[in-house]
Amino acid sequence: MKTAYAIHPALKNAKGEYIPIIVKEGQTGYYLTDWAWGKDLDEAEKIARAKNRAMGISDALTQRLILASMRESL
């Protein structure tokens, strides 16, 4: 099962830091982490991309996983 990190622009902690989420292949929705990747959206997204690439997950695959996570189960 492939997984990817992503940043949802509306998900921040009490300090205003972005909370990364995890999307999983074949599953709708996402999983919150208890991490904080700073207050700068671009920087948080760079961290997510770097972690995904380190796992062999391309930007295109990340986008597909995010879109698939938004579908309702049939």
N, C-alpha and C. Protein backbone atom coordinates (compact mmCIF):
# COMPACT_ATOMS: atom_id res chain seq x y z
N MET A 1 0.84 -1.18 0.00
CA MET A 1 0.00 0.00 0.00
C MET A 1 0.89 1.24 0.00
N LYS A 2 0.66 2.12 -0.94
CA LYS A 2 1.43 3.36 -1.02
C LYS A 2 0.82 4.40 -0.08
N THR A 3 1.69 5.19 0.54
CA THR A 3 1.25 6.29 1.39
C THR A 3 2.02 7.54 1.00
N ALA A 4 1.44 8.70 1.30
CA ALA A 4 2.11 9.96 1.00
C ALA A 4 1.76 10.99 2.07
N TYR A 5 2.68 11.90 2.28
CA TYR A 5 2.44 13.03 3.15
C TYR A 5 1.88 14.18 2.32
N ALA A 6 1.02 14.97 2.94
CA ALA A 6 0.46 16.14 2.27
C ALA A 6 0.18 17.21 3.32
N ILE A 7 0.00 18.42 2.82
CA ILE A 7 -0.35 19.53 3.69
C ILE A 7 -1.72 20.04 3.27
N HIS A 8 -2.65 20.06 4.20
CA HIS A 8 -3.97 20.64 3.96
C HIS A 8 -3.88 22.08 4.48
N PRO A 9 -4.09 23.07 3.63
CA PRO A 9 -3.88 24.46 4.05
C PRO A 9 -4.71 24.90 5.26
N ALA A 10 -5.81 24.22 5.54
CA ALA A 10 -6.66 24.62 6.65
C ALA A 10 -6.32 23.92 7.96
N LEU A 11 -5.42 22.96 7.92
CA LEU A 11 -5.11 22.21 9.14
C LEU A 11 -3.84 22.75 9.80
N LYS A 12 -4.06 23.46 10.91
CA LYS A 12 -2.96 24.04 11.68
C LYS A 12 -3.18 23.75 13.15
N ASN A 13 -2.10 23.73 13.90
CA ASN A 13 -2.22 23.54 15.34
C ASN A 13 -2.49 24.90 16.01
N ALA A 14 -2.55 24.91 17.34
CA ALA A 14 -2.86 26.13 18.08
C ALA A 14 -1.80 27.22 17.89
N LYS A 15 -0.59 26.81 17.51
CA LYS A 15 0.48 27.79 17.28
C LYS A 15 0.48 28.31 15.84
N GLY A 16 -0.45 27.83 15.02
CA GLY A 16 -0.52 28.27 13.63
C GLY A 16 0.42 27.52 12.70
N GLU A 17 0.93 26.37 13.15
CA GLU A 17 1.85 25.57 12.35
C GLU A 17 1.06 24.52 11.56
N TYR A 18 1.51 24.26 10.36
CA TYR A 18 0.84 23.27 9.51
C TYR A 18 1.06 21.86 10.03
N ILE A 19 -0.04 21.11 10.05
CA ILE A 19 -0.01 19.72 10.50
C ILE A 19 -0.04 18.83 9.26
N PRO A 20 0.99 18.04 9.03
CA PRO A 20 0.97 17.15 7.87
C PRO A 20 -0.07 16.04 8.04
N ILE A 21 -0.61 15.61 6.92
CA ILE A 21 -1.54 14.49 6.91
C ILE A 21 -0.93 13.36 6.10
N ILE A 22 -1.49 12.18 6.28
CA ILE A 22 -1.05 11.01 5.53
C ILE A 22 -2.25 10.48 4.76
N VAL A 23 -2.06 10.27 3.46
CA VAL A 23 -3.09 9.64 2.64
C VAL A 23 -2.58 8.27 2.24
N LYS A 24 -3.51 7.32 2.18
CA LYS A 24 -3.14 5.93 1.88
C LYS A 24 -3.90 5.43 0.66
N GLU A 25 -3.19 4.72 -0.16
CA GLU A 25 -3.77 4.13 -1.36
C GLU A 25 -4.95 3.23 -0.99
N GLY A 26 -6.07 3.42 -1.70
CA GLY A 26 -7.23 2.57 -1.49
C GLY A 26 -8.09 2.96 -0.30
N GLN A 27 -7.76 4.06 0.38
CA GLN A 27 -8.54 4.48 1.54
C GLN A 27 -9.03 5.91 1.36
N THR A 28 -10.27 6.15 1.75
CA THR A 28 -10.78 7.51 1.70
C THR A 28 -10.39 8.22 2.99
N GLY A 29 -10.36 9.53 2.93
CA GLY A 29 -9.99 10.32 4.09
C GLY A 29 -8.49 10.40 4.26
N TYR A 30 -8.09 10.89 5.42
CA TYR A 30 -6.67 11.05 5.70
C TYR A 30 -6.43 10.85 7.18
N TYR A 31 -5.17 10.71 7.53
CA TYR A 31 -4.76 10.53 8.92
C TYR A 31 -3.98 11.76 9.35
N LEU A 32 -4.35 12.33 10.48
CA LEU A 32 -3.61 13.45 11.05
C LEU A 32 -2.35 12.94 11.74
N THR A 33 -1.31 13.71 11.68
CA THR A 33 -0.11 13.40 12.44
C THR A 33 -0.08 14.33 13.65
N ASP A 34 0.84 14.08 14.55
CA ASP A 34 1.01 15.00 15.69
C ASP A 34 2.26 15.86 15.50
N TRP A 35 2.68 15.98 14.25
CA TRP A 35 3.84 16.79 13.91
C TRP A 35 3.41 18.20 13.54
N ALA A 36 4.37 19.10 13.51
CA ALA A 36 4.14 20.47 13.04
C ALA A 36 5.31 20.84 12.14
N TRP A 37 4.98 21.30 10.92
CA TRP A 37 6.03 21.61 9.95
C TRP A 37 6.10 23.10 9.64
N GLY A 38 5.98 23.92 10.65
CA GLY A 38 6.18 25.36 10.52
C GLY A 38 4.96 26.13 10.06
N LYS A 39 5.10 27.45 10.06
CA LYS A 39 4.00 28.35 9.72
C LYS A 39 3.98 28.76 8.26
N ASP A 40 5.01 28.42 7.53
CA ASP A 40 5.10 28.79 6.11
C ASP A 40 4.58 27.64 5.25
N LEU A 41 3.50 27.88 4.52
CA LEU A 41 2.88 26.83 3.71
C LEU A 41 3.84 26.25 2.69
N ASP A 42 4.57 27.11 1.99
CA ASP A 42 5.52 26.62 0.98
C ASP A 42 6.57 25.71 1.61
N GLU A 43 7.07 26.10 2.77
CA GLU A 43 8.09 25.28 3.44
C GLU A 43 7.51 23.94 3.88
N ALA A 44 6.31 23.95 4.43
CA ALA A 44 5.67 22.71 4.86
C ALA A 44 5.46 21.78 3.66
N GLU A 45 5.05 22.34 2.53
CA GLU A 45 4.86 21.53 1.33
C GLU A 45 6.18 20.98 0.81
N LYS A 46 7.26 21.76 0.93
CA LYS A 46 8.59 21.27 0.53
C LYS A 46 9.01 20.09 1.38
N ILE A 47 8.73 20.15 2.67
CA ILE A 47 9.07 19.04 3.56
C ILE A 47 8.29 17.79 3.15
N ALA A 48 7.00 17.96 2.87
CA ALA A 48 6.17 16.82 2.45
C ALA A 48 6.71 16.22 1.16
N ARG A 49 7.04 17.07 0.18
CA ARG A 49 7.58 16.56 -1.09
C ARG A 49 8.87 15.80 -0.87
N ALA A 50 9.75 16.34 -0.04
CA ALA A 50 11.04 15.69 0.22
C ALA A 50 10.84 14.32 0.89
N LYS A 51 9.95 14.26 1.86
CA LYS A 51 9.70 12.99 2.53
C LYS A 51 9.07 11.98 1.57
N ASN A 52 8.15 12.45 0.72
CA ASN A 52 7.54 11.56 -0.26
C ASN A 52 8.58 11.03 -1.25
N ARG A 53 9.41 11.91 -1.75
CA ARG A 53 10.45 11.49 -2.70
C ARG A 53 11.42 10.49 -2.07
N ALA A 54 11.72 10.68 -0.80
CA ALA A 54 12.60 9.74 -0.10
C ALA A 54 11.98 8.35 -0.02
N MET A 55 10.65 8.30 -0.06
CA MET A 55 9.94 7.01 -0.05
C MET A 55 9.65 6.51 -1.46
N GLY A 56 10.11 7.25 -2.48
CA GLY A 56 9.88 6.85 -3.86
C GLY A 56 8.52 7.25 -4.39
N ILE A 57 7.88 8.22 -3.75
CA ILE A 57 6.55 8.68 -4.16
C ILE A 57 6.71 10.01 -4.92
N SER A 58 6.32 10.01 -6.19
CA SER A 58 6.45 11.21 -7.02
C SER A 58 5.36 12.23 -6.68
N ASP A 59 5.54 13.45 -7.16
CA ASP A 59 4.51 14.48 -6.97
C ASP A 59 3.21 14.06 -7.65
N ALA A 60 3.31 13.47 -8.83
CA ALA A 60 2.11 13.04 -9.57
C ALA A 60 1.36 11.95 -8.80
N LEU A 61 2.09 11.00 -8.24
CA LEU A 61 1.45 9.94 -7.47
C LEU A 61 0.83 10.51 -6.20
N THR A 62 1.51 11.45 -5.57
CA THR A 62 0.95 12.10 -4.38
C THR A 62 -0.39 12.73 -4.72
N GLN A 63 -0.46 13.45 -5.82
CA GLN A 63 -1.72 14.10 -6.21
C GLN A 63 -2.81 13.06 -6.47
N ARG A 64 -2.46 11.96 -7.11
CA ARG A 64 -3.45 10.90 -7.36
C ARG A 64 -3.96 10.31 -6.04
N LEU A 65 -3.05 10.09 -5.09
CA LEU A 65 -3.46 9.56 -3.80
C LEU A 65 -4.37 10.54 -3.06
N ILE A 66 -4.04 11.82 -3.14
CA ILE A 66 -4.88 12.84 -2.49
C ILE A 66 -6.27 12.85 -3.12
N LEU A 67 -6.33 12.87 -4.45
CA LEU A 67 -7.64 12.88 -5.11
C LEU A 67 -8.43 11.62 -4.81
N ALA A 68 -7.79 10.48 -4.82
CA ALA A 68 -8.47 9.23 -4.52
C ALA A 68 -8.98 9.22 -3.08
N SER A 69 -8.29 9.88 -2.18
CA SER A 69 -8.70 9.89 -0.77
C SER A 69 -9.99 10.69 -0.57
N MET A 70 -10.34 11.51 -1.55
CA MET A 70 -11.55 12.35 -1.46
C MET A 70 -12.80 11.64 -1.97
N ARG A 71 -12.63 10.51 -2.61
CA ARG A 71 -13.77 9.77 -3.16
C ARG A 71 -14.50 9.04 -2.06
N GLU A 72 -15.79 8.93 -2.23
CA GLU A 72 -16.60 8.16 -1.29
C GLU A 72 -16.50 6.68 -1.62
N SER A 73 -16.52 5.88 -0.61
CA SER A 73 -16.55 4.42 -0.81
C SER A 73 -17.88 4.02 -1.40
N LEU A 74 -17.87 3.04 -2.28
CA LEU A 74 -19.11 2.55 -2.88
C LEU A 74 -19.60 1.33 -2.15
